[in-house]
Amino acid sequence: MKTNRPEDSHQAALLRLMRDGPRSRAELADLTTDPAAAGTSAGSPAPPAGAAYPHPAYPHPWPMSRSKLNASLNRLVGLGLAETDGLAASRGGRRSGLVRVSRDTRFAGIDIGATSVDVAVTDGELRVLGHVSEPCDIRFGPAHVLDRVLVLAGKLREQGVFTQLHGAGIGVPGPVSFAEGVPVVPPIMPGWDRYPMREMVSQELRCPAMLDNDVNIMALGELHAGLARQVGDFLLVKIGTGIGCGIVVDGKIYRGVSGSAGDIGHIRVDEVGPVCACGNTGCLEAYFSGAALSRQAQAAARSGASPYLAERLAATGTLSAEDVSAAAAQGDSAAVQLIRDGGRRVGQVLAGLVSFFNPGLVIIAGGVARLGHVLLAEIRSVVYRRSLPLATGNLPIVLSELNDTAGVVGAARLISDHVYSV
């Protein structure tokens, strides 16, 4: 297994600049050779590995001379990490040559959820070239799930999407030790504790791999291709089988000391509430995860409070967030109340986070978030009412627009940050 990597921080910065599309040498010179534009002196230290450009905290890479720029670009072409791409439009003189990330670069984005697995392959600019998914129960254990990941990756290989992968990013629905690349005591993932997922994927796909939790990779997806592209500090709240929060500070994921930052699903919202999967009582997740909403919907159906849900339960034997959404769309008052109750509890937790963190944007995502604008309106109402006016005066709270691609694009972004670094 060998994947060419940039040899120094200048090459890495140029690759991250070109990740957003082809750039002319003149444009790259504008971004990298002007100390005044960069806001630093020539002797300033490099930004952290993985910092994205353009970015509020690091709007430009540190200055380099034009000769160093051209030497770095030529070396990237020689390494097969970049390639020339014709000539740019004239800026009044001789036309500058375009340079782009190599067209042969391929990254795998693997989004493992509680009930499904998605695998996508992107090019070096993180455009999705192929995307396949299938239902898969995380409780069947890591060996079974890894087998399904490899089968799906094999389908994409057979379709001609890739012949070689240059990296694989993986997201799983539980706490992760980012440094070690293993899940740690994940509440809804029996048998996964400290399973070497990063190492196993790397061996099987014969490329570097990185592992993070699913909420963080979704936040990276939003940062790269979603509503957060121009926002340095934001929160992504995923409401699905579990509830979590991706925290982005200065364009980078904040994971905390041990990797558990953002685990808001286990914040207690009621001292005497229902028992959560983590073993505690009254957690937010016990009130408004997918499983909790299914239980509440079945109770409403059996009590006669919701004729629509009673009919669906009789027909299918179970109920999901999609059923609650459909019932609410039909004007079912019990379903609407379930959504509002859940949104109120999410809003209560989020209001505290907003007052504490003061983000520039909040994105609501995940399967349960597809309940839509009834849910969003309730969350907004609580947050805007309970948080400090200074924190909410210009705070958009929005639904994700990436749907099923946030996780796989974010996983590809995760591994590209690793490959495009030193």
Protein backbone atom coordinates (compact mmCIF):
# COMPACT_ATOMS: atom_id res chain seq x y z
CA MET A 1 0.00 0.00 0.00
CA LYS A 2 1.56 3.27 -1.15
CA THR A 3 -0.14 6.62 -1.55
CA ASN A 4 1.94 9.60 -2.61
CA ARG A 5 1.76 12.43 -0.11
CA PRO A 6 2.92 16.06 -0.27
CA GLU A 7 6.49 16.45 0.87
CA ASP A 8 6.15 19.74 2.74
CA SER A 9 3.62 22.19 4.11
CA HIS A 10 3.67 24.36 0.98
CA GLN A 11 2.67 21.46 -1.24
CA ALA A 12 -0.03 20.44 1.22
CA ALA A 13 -1.49 23.96 1.29
CA LEU A 14 -1.57 24.09 -2.52
CA LEU A 15 -3.43 20.78 -2.71
CA ARG A 16 -6.04 22.03 -0.26
CA LEU A 17 -6.45 25.17 -2.36
CA MET A 18 -6.93 23.09 -5.52
CA ARG A 19 -9.42 20.78 -3.78
CA ASP A 20 -12.10 23.38 -4.60
CA GLY A 21 -11.30 23.17 -8.33
CA PRO A 22 -8.60 24.04 -10.88
CA ARG A 23 -6.59 27.17 -10.15
CA SER A 24 -4.32 29.24 -12.36
CA ARG A 25 -0.72 29.70 -11.33
CA ALA A 26 -1.39 33.44 -11.22
CA GLU A 27 -4.35 32.94 -8.86
CA LEU A 28 -2.30 30.67 -6.63
CA ALA A 29 0.44 33.30 -6.61
CA ASP A 30 -2.10 35.91 -5.49
CA LEU A 31 -3.11 33.66 -2.61
CA THR A 32 0.32 32.51 -1.50
CA THR A 33 2.97 35.13 -2.27
CA ASP A 34 1.50 38.35 -0.80
CA PRO A 35 2.36 38.84 2.88
CA ALA A 36 -0.16 41.71 3.16
CA ALA A 37 -2.97 39.49 1.82
CA ALA A 38 -2.01 36.66 4.12
CA GLY A 39 -1.84 38.96 7.13
CA THR A 40 1.46 37.43 8.21
CA SER A 41 5.15 38.00 7.79
CA ALA A 42 7.34 35.74 5.73
CA GLY A 43 8.63 34.13 8.89
CA SER A 44 5.23 33.28 10.33
CA PRO A 45 4.49 29.67 11.20
CA ALA A 46 2.33 27.55 8.91
CA PRO A 47 -1.35 27.07 9.73
CA PRO A 48 -2.33 23.76 11.30
CA ALA A 49 -2.47 20.71 9.05
CA GLY A 50 -5.95 20.28 7.67
CA ALA A 51 -6.86 23.98 7.74
CA ALA A 52 -9.10 24.78 4.79
CA TYR A 53 -8.64 27.69 2.40
CA PRO A 54 -10.25 30.13 2.03
CA HIS A 55 -11.12 30.22 5.69
CA PRO A 56 -11.92 32.91 8.26
CA ALA A 57 -9.03 31.94 10.50
CA TYR A 58 -6.54 31.21 7.71
CA PRO A 59 -7.76 33.05 4.60
CA HIS A 60 -4.47 32.38 2.77
CA PRO A 61 -1.52 30.01 3.15
CA TRP A 62 1.61 31.59 4.52
CA PRO A 63 3.61 33.55 1.94
CA MET A 64 6.01 31.78 -0.39
CA SER A 65 8.09 33.15 -3.22
CA ARG A 66 6.93 32.74 -6.82
CA SER A 67 9.90 30.47 -7.50
CA LYS A 68 8.94 28.31 -4.52
CA LEU A 69 5.32 28.25 -5.70
CA ASN A 70 6.24 27.09 -9.18
CA ALA A 71 8.71 24.55 -7.85
CA SER A 72 6.08 23.16 -5.47
CA LEU A 73 3.46 22.91 -8.22
CA ASN A 74 5.91 21.22 -10.58
CA ARG A 75 6.86 18.75 -7.85
CA LEU A 76 3.17 17.95 -7.18
CA VAL A 77 2.73 17.20 -10.87
CA GLY A 78 5.82 14.99 -10.75
CA LEU A 79 4.43 13.09 -7.75
CA GLY A 80 1.15 12.48 -9.59
CA LEU A 81 -0.80 14.50 -7.04
CA ALA A 82 -1.60 17.34 -9.46
CA GLU A 83 -1.73 17.91 -13.21
CA THR A 84 -1.80 20.77 -15.67
CA ASP A 85 -5.17 21.69 -17.16
CA GLY A 86 -4.70 24.07 -20.05
CA LEU A 87 -4.67 27.86 -19.86
CA ALA A 88 -6.71 30.25 -17.74
CA ALA A 89 -8.53 33.29 -19.10
CA SER A 90 -6.23 36.22 -19.76
CA ARG A 91 -5.84 38.83 -17.03
CA GLY A 92 -4.33 41.33 -19.46
CA GLY A 93 -1.03 39.66 -20.25
CA ARG A 94 0.21 36.20 -21.07
CA ARG A 95 -2.35 33.58 -20.05
CA SER A 96 -1.47 31.62 -16.93
CA GLY A 97 -1.50 27.83 -16.82
CA LEU A 98 -4.19 26.00 -14.85
CA VAL A 99 -3.25 23.36 -12.30
CA ARG A 100 -5.64 20.92 -10.65
CA VAL A 101 -5.66 17.92 -8.35
CA SER A 102 -4.89 14.77 -10.34
CA ARG A 103 -7.96 13.38 -12.12
CA ASP A 104 -6.88 9.92 -11.02
CA THR A 105 -7.25 10.67 -7.30
CA ARG A 106 -9.99 8.63 -5.61
CA PHE A 107 -11.25 8.81 -2.03
CA ALA A 108 -13.82 6.53 -0.40
CA GLY A 109 -16.38 8.01 1.96
CA ILE A 110 -17.94 5.39 4.25
CA ASP A 111 -20.91 6.43 6.39
CA ILE A 112 -21.96 3.67 8.79
CA GLY A 113 -25.27 4.41 10.46
CA ALA A 114 -27.29 2.49 13.00
CA THR A 115 -29.52 0.95 10.34
CA SER A 116 -27.70 1.49 7.03
CA VAL A 117 -24.32 1.72 5.32
CA ASP A 118 -23.41 4.20 2.59
CA VAL A 119 -20.23 4.01 0.50
CA ALA A 120 -19.26 6.65 -2.04
CA VAL A 121 -16.16 7.30 -4.11
CA THR A 122 -15.11 10.84 -4.95
CA ASP A 123 -12.42 12.41 -7.06
CA GLY A 124 -9.70 14.58 -5.54
CA GLU A 125 -12.04 17.59 -5.52
CA LEU A 126 -14.56 15.51 -3.50
CA ARG A 127 -17.16 15.28 -6.24
CA VAL A 128 -19.17 12.08 -5.80
CA LEU A 129 -18.53 9.70 -8.72
CA GLY A 130 -20.49 6.75 -7.36
CA HIS A 131 -22.67 6.15 -4.30
CA VAL A 132 -24.27 2.92 -3.09
CA SER A 133 -26.07 2.01 0.12
CA GLU A 134 -28.01 -0.76 1.78
CA PRO A 135 -29.85 -1.44 5.06
CA CYS A 136 -27.52 -2.81 7.72
CA ASP A 137 -28.02 -3.22 11.46
CA ILE A 138 -25.04 -1.94 13.44
CA ARG A 139 -25.92 -4.43 16.20
CA PHE A 140 -24.80 -7.34 14.00
CA GLY A 141 -21.25 -6.37 14.91
CA PRO A 142 -18.13 -4.99 13.22
CA ALA A 143 -17.19 -8.07 11.19
CA HIS A 144 -20.60 -8.18 9.51
CA VAL A 145 -20.69 -4.42 8.86
CA LEU A 146 -17.12 -4.39 7.50
CA ASP A 147 -18.09 -7.21 5.13
CA ARG A 148 -21.00 -5.13 3.81
CA VAL A 149 -18.73 -2.09 3.39
CA LEU A 150 -16.33 -4.17 1.30
CA VAL A 151 -19.17 -5.58 -0.80
CA LEU A 152 -20.45 -2.08 -1.56
CA ALA A 153 -16.93 -0.84 -2.36
CA GLY A 154 -16.57 -3.84 -4.65
CA LYS A 155 -19.70 -2.82 -6.53
CA LEU A 156 -18.23 0.60 -7.20
CA ARG A 157 -15.00 -0.98 -8.39
CA GLU A 158 -16.94 -3.25 -10.74
CA GLN A 159 -18.76 -0.21 -12.11
CA GLY A 160 -15.39 1.29 -13.05
CA VAL A 161 -15.59 4.15 -10.54
CA PHE A 162 -12.09 3.37 -9.26
CA THR A 163 -9.20 0.99 -9.69
CA GLN A 164 -7.15 2.26 -6.75
CA LEU A 165 -8.15 4.26 -3.70
CA HIS A 166 -5.88 6.95 -2.27
CA GLY A 167 -7.66 7.08 1.07
CA ALA A 168 -10.84 6.11 2.93
CA GLY A 169 -12.74 8.11 5.53
CA ILE A 170 -15.17 6.33 7.86
CA GLY A 171 -17.91 7.55 10.17
CA VAL A 172 -19.62 5.43 12.84
CA PRO A 173 -22.58 6.28 15.12
CA GLY A 174 -20.76 6.33 18.43
CA PRO A 175 -17.86 7.81 20.41
CA VAL A 176 -14.48 7.43 18.71
CA SER A 177 -10.91 7.77 19.90
CA PHE A 178 -9.72 9.78 16.90
CA ALA A 179 -6.04 9.26 17.69
CA GLU A 180 -6.39 5.47 17.89
CA GLY A 181 -9.03 5.03 15.20
CA VAL A 182 -11.34 2.88 17.34
CA PRO A 183 -14.87 3.21 18.77
CA VAL A 184 -14.96 3.50 22.57
CA VAL A 185 -17.90 2.01 24.53
CA PRO A 186 -20.49 3.05 21.92
CA PRO A 187 -23.97 2.75 23.49
CA ILE A 188 -25.84 1.51 20.40
CA MET A 189 -22.97 -0.56 18.93
CA PRO A 190 -22.61 -3.81 20.92
CA GLY A 191 -19.37 -5.64 20.18
CA TRP A 192 -17.65 -2.60 18.70
CA ASP A 193 -15.70 -1.37 21.72
CA ARG A 194 -12.08 -0.72 20.62
CA TYR A 195 -12.56 -2.64 17.36
CA PRO A 196 -9.66 -1.52 15.07
CA MET A 197 -11.93 -0.20 12.33
CA ARG A 198 -9.41 2.25 10.88
CA GLU A 199 -6.73 -0.42 10.65
CA MET A 200 -9.07 -3.04 9.18
CA VAL A 201 -10.44 -0.74 6.46
CA SER A 202 -6.93 0.40 5.61
CA GLN A 203 -5.77 -3.20 5.21
CA GLU A 204 -8.78 -4.33 3.20
CA LEU A 205 -8.92 -1.34 0.85
CA ARG A 206 -5.12 -0.98 0.69
CA CYS A 207 -5.04 2.75 1.37
CA PRO A 208 -4.74 5.14 4.33
CA ALA A 209 -7.91 5.39 6.42
CA MET A 210 -9.30 7.71 9.09
CA LEU A 211 -12.18 7.08 11.53
CA ASP A 212 -14.48 9.60 13.23
CA ASN A 213 -18.02 9.64 14.55
CA ASP A 214 -20.85 10.12 12.07
CA VAL A 215 -21.83 13.58 13.30
CA ASN A 216 -18.35 14.97 12.78
CA ILE A 217 -18.14 13.68 9.22
CA MET A 218 -21.55 15.20 8.47
CA ALA A 219 -20.27 18.54 9.76
CA LEU A 220 -17.25 18.21 7.46
CA GLY A 221 -19.61 17.49 4.59
CA GLU A 222 -21.54 20.68 5.32
CA LEU A 223 -18.28 22.60 5.60
CA HIS A 224 -17.14 21.41 2.18
CA ALA A 225 -20.32 21.27 0.11
CA GLY A 226 -23.26 22.48 2.19
CA LEU A 227 -24.68 25.51 3.89
CA ALA A 228 -21.58 26.06 6.05
CA ARG A 229 -19.10 26.67 3.22
CA GLN A 230 -18.51 30.29 4.25
CA VAL A 231 -18.95 29.82 8.01
CA GLY A 232 -16.03 29.25 10.34
CA ASP A 233 -17.95 28.43 13.53
CA PHE A 234 -21.13 26.36 13.49
CA LEU A 235 -23.01 23.47 15.06
CA LEU A 236 -24.50 20.50 13.23
CA VAL A 237 -27.16 18.66 15.23
CA LYS A 238 -27.95 15.19 13.92
CA ILE A 239 -31.26 13.70 15.03
CA GLY A 240 -31.51 10.07 13.98
CA THR A 241 -31.24 6.76 15.78
CA GLY A 242 -29.16 8.79 18.22
CA ILE A 243 -28.59 12.52 18.73
CA GLY A 244 -25.20 14.18 18.43
CA CYS A 245 -23.62 17.52 17.64
CA GLY A 246 -20.68 18.30 15.38
CA ILE A 247 -18.77 21.36 16.63
CA VAL A 248 -16.75 23.35 14.09
CA VAL A 249 -14.39 26.05 15.34
CA ASP A 250 -12.33 28.12 12.88
CA GLY A 251 -13.18 25.65 10.13
CA LYS A 252 -11.95 22.60 12.06
CA ILE A 253 -13.78 19.89 13.97
CA TYR A 254 -13.50 20.31 17.72
CA ARG A 255 -13.33 16.83 19.26
CA GLY A 256 -12.36 17.61 22.84
CA VAL A 257 -9.54 15.99 24.82
CA SER A 258 -10.68 12.40 24.33
CA GLY A 259 -12.96 12.72 21.29
CA SER A 260 -16.34 12.84 23.02
CA ALA A 261 -17.19 16.53 22.42
CA GLY A 262 -20.69 17.03 21.05
CA ASP A 263 -22.36 14.02 22.66
CA ILE A 264 -25.47 16.06 23.44
CA GLY A 265 -27.87 13.13 23.18
CA HIS A 266 -26.94 12.16 26.72
CA ILE A 267 -27.56 15.55 28.30
CA ARG A 268 -30.30 15.03 30.89
CA VAL A 269 -33.50 16.96 30.22
CA ASP A 270 -35.67 15.31 32.89
CA GLU A 271 -34.61 13.83 36.24
CA VAL A 272 -37.28 11.11 36.13
CA GLY A 273 -37.45 10.50 32.38
CA PRO A 274 -37.22 7.20 30.48
CA VAL A 275 -34.13 4.99 30.60
CA CYS A 276 -31.66 5.73 27.80
CA ALA A 277 -29.47 3.25 25.89
CA CYS A 278 -26.49 4.64 27.84
CA GLY A 279 -28.06 3.42 31.11
CA ASN A 280 -28.95 6.84 32.51
CA THR A 281 -32.44 8.31 32.75
CA GLY A 282 -33.99 11.37 31.16
CA CYS A 283 -31.43 11.85 28.35
CA LEU A 284 -32.45 13.91 25.34
CA GLU A 285 -31.91 10.84 23.16
CA ALA A 286 -34.40 8.85 25.25
CA TYR A 287 -37.04 11.46 24.37
CA PHE A 288 -36.46 12.24 20.73
CA SER A 289 -34.23 9.80 18.89
CA GLY A 290 -35.67 7.67 16.10
CA ALA A 291 -36.30 4.80 18.51
CA ALA A 292 -37.96 7.08 21.07
CA LEU A 293 -40.21 8.63 18.44
CA SER A 294 -41.20 5.16 17.23
CA ARG A 295 -42.22 4.17 20.77
CA GLN A 296 -44.19 7.36 21.25
CA ALA A 297 -45.94 6.94 17.90
CA GLN A 298 -46.94 3.37 18.74
CA ALA A 299 -48.33 4.54 22.07
CA ALA A 300 -50.38 7.23 20.31
CA ALA A 301 -51.66 4.64 17.83
CA ARG A 302 -52.67 2.11 20.46
CA SER A 303 -54.36 4.72 22.66
CA GLY A 304 -56.55 5.87 19.80
CA ALA A 305 -55.08 9.38 19.87
CA SER A 306 -53.95 9.01 16.24
CA PRO A 307 -56.20 7.15 13.79
CA TYR A 308 -53.64 7.60 11.00
CA LEU A 309 -50.81 6.04 13.02
CA ALA A 310 -53.14 3.26 14.23
CA GLU A 311 -53.87 2.38 10.61
CA ARG A 312 -50.18 2.38 9.70
CA LEU A 313 -49.29 0.27 12.73
CA ALA A 314 -51.94 -2.30 11.83
CA ALA A 315 -50.61 -2.46 8.27
CA THR A 316 -46.87 -2.65 8.97
CA GLY A 317 -46.47 -3.72 12.60
CA THR A 318 -44.12 -0.84 13.37
CA LEU A 319 -43.87 2.93 13.05
CA SER A 320 -41.04 5.26 12.12
CA ALA A 321 -40.27 8.98 11.92
CA GLU A 322 -41.45 8.88 8.30
CA ASP A 323 -44.87 7.66 9.48
CA VAL A 324 -45.07 10.48 12.02
CA SER A 325 -44.12 12.98 9.33
CA ALA A 326 -46.78 11.62 6.96
CA ALA A 327 -49.39 11.75 9.74
CA ALA A 328 -48.50 15.35 10.57
CA ALA A 329 -48.80 16.27 6.87
CA GLN A 330 -52.34 14.88 6.99
CA GLY A 331 -53.14 17.18 9.90
CA ASP A 332 -52.97 14.46 12.57
CA SER A 333 -52.89 16.43 15.83
CA ALA A 334 -51.20 13.69 17.86
CA ALA A 335 -48.34 13.42 15.35
CA VAL A 336 -47.90 17.19 15.24
CA GLN A 337 -47.73 17.24 19.04
CA LEU A 338 -45.07 14.50 19.08
CA ILE A 339 -42.94 16.58 16.73
CA ARG A 340 -43.44 19.75 18.74
CA ASP A 341 -42.62 18.03 22.03
CA GLY A 342 -39.40 16.64 20.55
CA GLY A 343 -38.46 19.96 18.99
CA ARG A 344 -39.02 21.70 22.30
CA ARG A 345 -36.61 19.38 24.11
CA VAL A 346 -33.98 19.68 21.38
CA GLY A 347 -34.44 23.46 21.52
CA GLN A 348 -33.91 23.50 25.28
CA VAL A 349 -30.54 21.77 24.95
CA LEU A 350 -29.55 23.77 21.88
CA ALA A 351 -30.41 27.08 23.56
CA GLY A 352 -27.78 26.41 26.19
CA LEU A 353 -25.23 25.46 23.55
CA VAL A 354 -25.93 28.61 21.55
CA SER A 355 -25.52 30.86 24.58
CA PHE A 356 -22.28 29.08 25.48
CA PHE A 357 -20.70 28.68 22.03
CA ASN A 358 -22.19 31.61 20.06
CA PRO A 359 -22.07 29.86 16.63
CA GLY A 360 -22.62 31.58 13.30
CA LEU A 361 -24.97 28.85 12.05
CA VAL A 362 -26.90 25.83 13.34
CA ILE A 363 -27.74 23.00 10.92
CA ILE A 364 -30.30 20.34 11.79
CA ALA A 365 -29.72 17.03 10.00
CA GLY A 366 -30.39 13.29 10.23
CA GLY A 367 -33.33 11.01 9.54
CA VAL A 368 -35.62 12.45 12.20
CA ALA A 369 -34.83 15.97 10.94
CA ARG A 370 -36.83 15.06 7.84
CA LEU A 371 -39.88 15.77 9.96
CA GLY A 372 -39.26 19.15 8.41
CA HIS A 373 -40.50 22.61 9.16
CA VAL A 374 -42.83 21.76 12.05
CA LEU A 375 -39.77 20.47 13.90
CA LEU A 376 -37.57 23.34 12.74
CA ALA A 377 -40.11 25.97 13.78
CA GLU A 378 -40.32 24.52 17.31
CA ILE A 379 -36.54 24.36 17.70
CA ARG A 380 -36.17 27.94 16.44
CA SER A 381 -38.90 29.18 18.75
CA VAL A 382 -37.27 27.75 21.86
CA VAL A 383 -33.72 28.77 20.96
CA TYR A 384 -34.63 32.32 20.00
CA ARG A 385 -36.72 32.69 23.16
CA ARG A 386 -34.29 31.17 25.65
CA SER A 387 -30.82 32.09 24.34
CA LEU A 388 -29.14 35.44 24.82
CA PRO A 389 -30.23 38.04 22.24
CA LEU A 390 -26.62 38.82 21.37
CA ALA A 391 -26.08 35.15 20.44
CA THR A 392 -29.24 34.78 18.35
CA GLY A 393 -29.57 38.19 16.71
CA ASN A 394 -28.02 36.97 13.44
CA LEU A 395 -28.18 33.21 13.95
CA PRO A 396 -29.68 31.10 11.14
CA ILE A 397 -31.08 27.72 12.23
CA VAL A 398 -31.65 25.66 9.11
CA LEU A 399 -32.29 22.16 7.82
CA SER A 400 -29.44 20.44 5.97
CA GLU A 401 -29.77 20.45 2.19
CA LEU A 402 -27.27 17.63 1.58
CA ASN A 403 -29.64 14.81 2.59
CA ASP A 404 -27.83 11.45 2.28
CA THR A 405 -24.54 12.83 0.94
CA ALA A 406 -23.32 14.86 3.93
CA GLY A 407 -21.75 11.84 5.61
CA VAL A 408 -19.96 10.36 2.61
CA VAL A 409 -18.69 13.74 1.38
CA GLY A 410 -17.54 14.57 4.91
CA ALA A 411 -15.77 11.22 5.24
CA ALA A 412 -13.97 11.91 1.95
CA ARG A 413 -13.08 15.37 3.25
CA LEU A 414 -11.71 13.78 6.43
CA ILE A 415 -9.30 11.50 4.57
CA SER A 416 -8.38 14.20 2.04
CA ASP A 417 -7.35 16.46 4.92
CA HIS A 418 -5.05 13.64 6.00
CA VAL A 419 -3.65 12.91 2.54
CA TYR A 420 -3.27 16.62 1.72
CA SER A 421 -1.12 17.23 4.79
CA VAL A 422 2.36 16.43 6.03
